[in-house]
Amino acid sequence: MEREIKSREKLLELPDLHCQTIEDANKIIEYCFNVLPILAVVIFEQDVNNDVMGILMPFGGLNLESLFAPGTESIASASVSKDLEITREQLRDLARGVRALAQVGVVHGAIVDKNTLLKPDEATATEGFQRQNRLVLVDFGSLAPDY
């Protein structure tokens, strides 16, 4: 969890984000880097030190591992399976976010199906936008060997 928090702190310290409100900075982080923001850090207060017990993030959708587990039926029903398809545009958008992370010196280290969420867009049909899901990343906690 320490690496997870430090990675996001590094993003929040970027000059373009440093003067923003935390809410605006979190929106920019999600849009520019395809990274789900941390909303709060849960600590366990002790006499000498405070231990991090967990982190709180907004709902980011289901991870790709749970959506399309090999050899089993998807948890998605047939009626919503089209909404869960991954498009080339979504993959390009995720790759753009990973490139942007690398340009500011942040390495994810484990971009795999369980750390990639299919996040529903908040736009509604009444606003005149077609619903488009985005791929976002979570879990900066570990680095894959020889990354």
Protein backbone atom coordinates (compact mmCIF):
# COMPACT_ATOMS: atom_id res chain seq x y z
CA MET A 1 0.00 0.00 0.00
CA GLU A 2 2.95 2.31 0.59
CA ARG A 3 3.99 2.12 -3.07
CA GLU A 4 0.34 2.63 -4.11
CA ILE A 5 0.10 5.82 -2.06
CA LYS A 6 3.53 7.15 -3.08
CA SER A 7 2.74 6.67 -6.79
CA ARG A 8 -0.37 8.78 -6.50
CA GLU A 9 1.39 11.38 -4.33
CA LYS A 10 3.97 11.73 -7.10
CA LEU A 11 1.17 12.46 -9.57
CA LEU A 12 -0.47 14.98 -7.23
CA GLU A 13 2.86 16.84 -6.94
CA LEU A 14 3.04 17.49 -10.70
CA PRO A 15 3.10 21.25 -11.40
CA ASP A 16 -0.18 21.16 -13.32
CA LEU A 17 -1.95 19.39 -10.45
CA HIS A 18 -0.29 20.98 -7.44
CA CYS A 19 -2.45 24.13 -7.55
CA GLN A 20 -5.72 22.25 -8.20
CA THR A 21 -8.28 21.24 -5.60
CA ILE A 22 -7.96 17.57 -4.68
CA GLU A 23 -11.24 16.79 -6.47
CA ASP A 24 -10.04 18.44 -9.69
CA ALA A 25 -6.60 16.82 -9.40
CA ASN A 26 -8.22 13.38 -9.00
CA LYS A 27 -10.34 13.95 -12.13
CA ILE A 28 -7.24 14.99 -14.07
CA ILE A 29 -5.30 11.95 -12.84
CA GLU A 30 -8.09 9.64 -13.94
CA TYR A 31 -8.50 11.35 -17.32
CA CYS A 32 -4.81 11.85 -18.19
CA PHE A 33 -3.28 8.72 -16.67
CA ASN A 34 -6.24 6.26 -16.56
CA VAL A 35 -5.58 5.76 -12.85
CA LEU A 36 -8.34 5.48 -10.26
CA PRO A 37 -7.68 8.02 -7.49
CA ILE A 38 -7.36 7.30 -3.77
CA LEU A 39 -10.07 9.12 -1.84
CA ALA A 40 -8.88 8.28 1.68
CA VAL A 41 -6.24 6.32 3.55
CA VAL A 42 -7.44 4.28 6.53
CA ILE A 43 -4.95 4.14 9.38
CA PHE A 44 -4.76 2.30 12.67
CA GLU A 45 -3.55 4.71 15.33
CA GLN A 46 -1.08 3.29 17.82
CA ASP A 47 1.07 4.90 20.51
CA VAL A 48 4.26 5.03 18.44
CA ASN A 49 3.20 4.93 14.80
CA ASN A 50 0.19 4.82 12.54
CA ASP A 51 -0.17 1.71 10.38
CA VAL A 52 -1.98 1.93 7.05
CA MET A 53 -4.88 -0.51 7.14
CA GLY A 54 -6.36 0.19 3.72
CA ILE A 55 -7.29 2.71 1.08
CA LEU A 56 -10.65 3.93 -0.21
CA MET A 57 -11.24 4.44 -3.95
CA PRO A 58 -14.34 5.29 -5.95
CA PHE A 59 -16.12 2.43 -7.70
CA GLY A 60 -14.13 1.68 -10.82
CA GLY A 61 -16.16 -1.15 -12.28
CA LEU A 62 -15.31 -4.82 -12.46
CA ASN A 63 -11.80 -5.96 -13.23
CA LEU A 64 -11.14 -7.69 -16.53
CA GLU A 65 -10.25 -10.94 -14.75
CA SER A 66 -13.74 -11.21 -13.26
CA LEU A 67 -15.46 -10.17 -16.49
CA PHE A 68 -13.89 -12.72 -18.77
CA ALA A 69 -12.47 -15.60 -16.79
CA PRO A 70 -11.05 -18.20 -19.23
CA GLY A 71 -12.94 -21.46 -19.48
CA THR A 72 -16.00 -20.16 -17.63
CA GLU A 73 -19.05 -18.13 -18.49
CA SER A 74 -18.63 -14.40 -18.07
CA ILE A 75 -20.41 -12.96 -15.05
CA ALA A 76 -22.01 -10.52 -17.45
CA SER A 77 -25.46 -11.43 -18.63
CA ALA A 78 -26.17 -11.71 -22.34
CA SER A 79 -28.16 -8.47 -22.21
CA VAL A 80 -25.17 -6.39 -21.11
CA SER A 81 -22.33 -8.33 -22.76
CA LYS A 82 -22.11 -5.85 -25.64
CA ASP A 83 -21.49 -3.05 -23.09
CA LEU A 84 -18.57 -5.07 -21.71
CA GLU A 85 -16.71 -5.56 -24.98
CA ILE A 86 -13.23 -4.06 -25.02
CA THR A 87 -12.62 -1.84 -28.04
CA ARG A 88 -9.41 -0.79 -29.76
CA GLU A 89 -10.16 2.79 -28.73
CA GLN A 90 -10.31 1.75 -25.07
CA LEU A 91 -7.00 -0.10 -25.40
CA ARG A 92 -5.41 2.91 -27.14
CA ASP A 93 -6.71 5.18 -24.39
CA LEU A 94 -5.21 2.89 -21.72
CA ALA A 95 -1.87 2.76 -23.59
CA ARG A 96 -1.90 6.58 -23.83
CA GLY A 97 -2.39 6.77 -20.06
CA VAL A 98 0.47 4.33 -19.41
CA ARG A 99 2.72 6.38 -21.72
CA ALA A 100 1.76 9.56 -19.83
CA LEU A 101 2.61 7.84 -16.53
CA ALA A 102 6.04 6.86 -17.89
CA GLN A 103 6.69 10.43 -19.05
CA VAL A 104 6.30 11.69 -15.47
CA GLY A 105 8.39 8.85 -14.00
CA VAL A 106 5.64 6.64 -12.57
CA VAL A 107 5.79 2.90 -13.30
CA HIS A 108 2.73 0.75 -12.72
CA GLY A 109 4.62 -2.52 -12.77
CA ALA A 110 1.76 -5.01 -13.04
CA ILE A 111 -0.65 -4.14 -15.82
CA VAL A 112 -2.69 -7.33 -15.84
CA ASP A 113 -6.37 -8.20 -16.06
CA LYS A 114 -6.98 -8.09 -12.29
CA ASN A 115 -5.49 -4.55 -12.06
CA THR A 116 -7.45 -3.19 -15.04
CA LEU A 117 -11.04 -2.10 -14.45
CA LEU A 118 -13.77 -1.46 -16.99
CA LYS A 119 -15.21 1.76 -15.59
CA PRO A 120 -18.62 2.92 -16.79
CA ASP A 121 -18.71 6.50 -18.00
CA GLU A 122 -20.81 8.85 -15.87
CA ALA A 123 -22.40 10.48 -18.93
CA THR A 124 -26.08 9.66 -19.29
CA ALA A 125 -28.23 9.23 -22.36
CA THR A 126 -30.23 12.31 -21.37
CA GLU A 127 -27.10 14.43 -21.81
CA GLY A 128 -26.88 13.24 -25.41
CA PHE A 129 -23.72 11.15 -24.99
CA GLN A 130 -23.37 7.52 -25.89
CA ARG A 131 -22.28 5.49 -22.87
CA GLN A 132 -18.58 4.63 -23.22
CA ASN A 133 -16.67 2.53 -20.73
CA ARG A 134 -13.01 3.34 -19.97
CA LEU A 135 -10.17 1.10 -18.87
CA VAL A 136 -8.55 2.36 -15.66
CA LEU A 137 -5.68 1.03 -13.57
CA VAL A 138 -5.45 0.21 -9.87
CA ASP A 139 -2.87 -1.48 -7.62
CA PHE A 140 0.51 0.18 -8.00
CA GLY A 141 1.62 -1.95 -5.07
CA SER A 142 4.06 -4.33 -6.71
CA LEU A 143 6.49 -4.52 -9.59
CA ALA A 144 6.62 -7.54 -11.84
CA PRO A 145 10.03 -9.25 -11.97
CA ASP A 146 12.42 -7.65 -14.50
CA TYR A 147 9.87 -4.93 -15.31
